[in-house]
C-alpha atoms as a PDB file:
ATOM      1  CA  MET A   1      10.644 -15.523  -0.010  1.00  0.00           C
ATOM      2  CA  ALA A   2      10.113 -11.822   0.439  1.00  0.00           C
ATOM      3  CA  ARG A   3      11.612  -9.940   3.345  1.00  0.00           C
ATOM      4  CA  GLN A   4       9.049  -9.429   6.122  1.00  0.00           C
ATOM      5  CA  SER A   5      11.217  -7.573   8.633  1.00  0.00           C
ATOM      6  CA  LYS A   6      12.578  -4.048   8.525  1.00  0.00           C
ATOM      7  CA  LYS A   7      16.198  -3.087   8.043  1.00  0.00           C
ATOM      8  CA  ILE A   8      18.109  -2.074  11.183  1.00  0.00           C
ATOM      9  CA  ARG A   9      17.807   1.687  10.592  1.00  0.00           C
ATOM     10  CA  GLU A  10      14.074   1.471   9.868  1.00  0.00           C
ATOM     11  CA  LYS A  11      13.159  -0.386  13.060  1.00  0.00           C
ATOM     12  CA  GLY A  12      11.263   1.330  15.827  1.00  0.00           C
ATOM     13  CA  LYS A  13       8.336   3.685  15.786  1.00  0.00           C
ATOM     14  CA  LEU A  14       6.386   4.216  12.583  1.00  0.00           C
ATOM     15  CA  LYS A  15       6.991   7.534  10.837  1.00  0.00           C
ATOM     16  CA  LEU A  16       3.867   9.635  11.273  1.00  0.00           C
ATOM     17  CA  SER A  17       4.455  11.351   7.927  1.00  0.00           C
ATOM     18  CA  SER A  18       4.095   8.003   6.145  1.00  0.00           C
ATOM     19  CA  TYR A  19       1.018   7.119   8.221  1.00  0.00           C
ATOM     20  CA  PHE A  20      -0.823  10.371   7.410  1.00  0.00           C
ATOM     21  CA  LYS A  21       0.453  10.935   3.860  1.00  0.00           C
ATOM     22  CA  LYS A  22      -1.900  12.374   1.273  1.00  0.00           C
ATOM     23  CA  ILE A  23      -2.424  10.455  -1.955  1.00  0.00           C
ATOM     24  CA  ASP A  24      -4.692  12.025  -4.556  1.00  0.00           C
ATOM     25  CA  ASP A  25      -7.273  10.128  -6.575  1.00  0.00           C
ATOM     26  CA  GLY A  26      -5.911   9.050  -9.959  1.00  0.00           C
ATOM     27  CA  ALA A  27      -2.327   8.713  -8.671  1.00  0.00           C
ATOM     28  CA  ARG A  28      -0.221   5.727  -9.741  1.00  0.00           C
ATOM     29  CA  VAL A  29       1.079   3.832  -6.702  1.00  0.00           C
ATOM     30  CA  ALA A  30       2.870   0.584  -5.836  1.00  0.00           C
ATOM     31  CA  LEU A  31       1.847  -1.837  -3.077  1.00  0.00           C
ATOM     32  CA  VAL A  32       4.663  -2.045  -0.523  1.00  0.00           C
ATOM     33  CA  THR A  33       4.090  -3.808   2.797  1.00  0.00           C
ATOM     34  CA  ASP A  34       5.119  -1.932   5.932  1.00  0.00           C
ATOM     35  CA  ALA A  35       5.946  -4.576   8.531  1.00  0.00           C
ATOM     36  CA  GLY A  36       5.143  -2.232  11.421  1.00  0.00           C
ATOM     37  CA  VAL A  37       1.459  -1.986  10.473  1.00  0.00           C
ATOM     38  CA  CYS A  38      -0.874  -4.962  10.164  1.00  0.00           C
ATOM     39  CA  SER A  39      -2.048  -5.543   6.595  1.00  0.00           C
ATOM     40  CA  SER A  40      -4.799  -7.821   5.362  1.00  0.00           C
ATOM     41  CA  TYR A  41      -4.326  -8.067   1.612  1.00  0.00           C
ATOM     42  CA  ALA A  42      -3.115 -11.065  -0.369  1.00  0.00           C
ATOM     43  CA  LYS A  43       0.672 -11.386  -0.283  1.00  0.00           C
ATOM     44  CA  ARG A  44       0.815 -12.223  -4.006  1.00  0.00           C
ATOM     45  CA  LEU A  45      -0.270  -8.639  -4.714  1.00  0.00           C
ATOM     46  CA  LYS A  46       2.854  -7.237  -3.015  1.00  0.00           C
ATOM     47  CA  GLY A  47       4.881  -5.099  -5.412  1.00  0.00           C
ATOM     48  CA  MET A  48       2.067  -4.619  -7.914  1.00  0.00           C
ATOM     49  CA  SER A  49       1.170  -1.170  -9.122  1.00  0.00           C
ATOM     50  CA  GLY A  50      -2.213   0.358  -9.727  1.00  0.00           C
ATOM     51  CA  LYS A  51      -4.321   3.497  -9.685  1.00  0.00           C
ATOM     52  CA  VAL A  52      -6.071   5.107  -6.712  1.00  0.00           C
ATOM     53  CA  VAL A  53      -9.762   5.281  -7.563  1.00  0.00           C
ATOM     54  CA  GLY A  54     -11.241   6.783  -4.404  1.00  0.00           C
ATOM     55  CA  SER A  55     -11.218   6.611  -0.642  1.00  0.00           C
ATOM     56  CA  ARG A  56     -13.246   5.216   2.246  1.00  0.00           C
ATOM     57  CA  GLY A  57     -12.440   7.162   5.357  1.00  0.00           C
ATOM     58  CA  LYS A  58      -8.661   7.210   5.645  1.00  0.00           C
ATOM     59  CA  PHE A  59      -8.265   4.065   3.505  1.00  0.00           C
ATOM     60  CA  LYS A  60      -7.755   4.183  -0.273  1.00  0.00           C
ATOM     61  CA  LEU A  61      -9.450   2.196  -3.026  1.00  0.00           C
ATOM     62  CA  LEU A  62      -6.730   0.818  -5.276  1.00  0.00           C
ATOM     63  CA  GLU A  63      -7.530  -0.669  -8.678  1.00  0.00           C
ATOM     64  CA  ILE A  64      -4.982  -3.215  -9.919  1.00  0.00           C
ATOM     65  CA  LYS A  65      -4.904  -5.707 -12.750  1.00  0.00           C
ATOM     66  CA  ASP A  66      -4.463  -9.298 -11.564  1.00  0.00           C
ATOM     67  CA  GLY A  67      -4.077 -11.369 -14.711  1.00  0.00           C
ATOM     68  CA  ASN A  68      -6.912 -10.206 -16.967  1.00  0.00           C
ATOM     69  CA  LYS A  69      -9.184  -9.032 -14.137  1.00  0.00           C
ATOM     70  CA  LEU A  70      -9.418  -5.577 -12.597  1.00  0.00           C
ATOM     71  CA  LYS A  71      -9.563  -5.844  -8.820  1.00  0.00           C
ATOM     72  CA  THR A  72     -10.313  -3.158  -6.254  1.00  0.00           C
ATOM     73  CA  ILE A  73      -8.454  -3.327  -2.946  1.00  0.00           C
ATOM     74  CA  ILE A  74      -9.170  -1.265   0.164  1.00  0.00           C
ATOM     75  CA  ILE A  75      -5.823  -0.488   1.781  1.00  0.00           C
ATOM     76  CA  HIS A  76      -4.220   1.992   4.182  1.00  0.00           C
ATOM     77  CA  PRO A  77      -1.947   4.617   2.560  1.00  0.00           C
ATOM     78  CA  VAL A  78       1.018   3.504   4.695  1.00  0.00           C
ATOM     79  CA  HIS A  79       1.323   0.500   2.338  1.00  0.00           C
ATOM     80  CA  LEU A  80       1.303   2.646  -0.823  1.00  0.00           C
ATOM     81  CA  ARG A  81       4.292   4.319  -2.486  1.00  0.00           C
ATOM     82  CA  LYS A  82       3.878   6.903  -5.269  1.00  0.00           C
ATOM     83  CA  LEU A  83       5.426   6.094  -8.645  1.00  0.00           C
END
């Protein structure tokens, strides 16, 4: 099972720099769940990497390969980490 809680030094208020971070289109990123913010993507996609294709408001469109299919996920940048 994957860890769903934060480590002791990460607990508390969410860092605003991670909430408002800028990720350019075409950047390679990894999906990393932040337990402090509600997420609504499939848990099997956690840890996968993909490419940012565009944005919808403050959310990003992430294109990942799940098996042989290309899937597009709409996700908040707080759950993305640059590679």
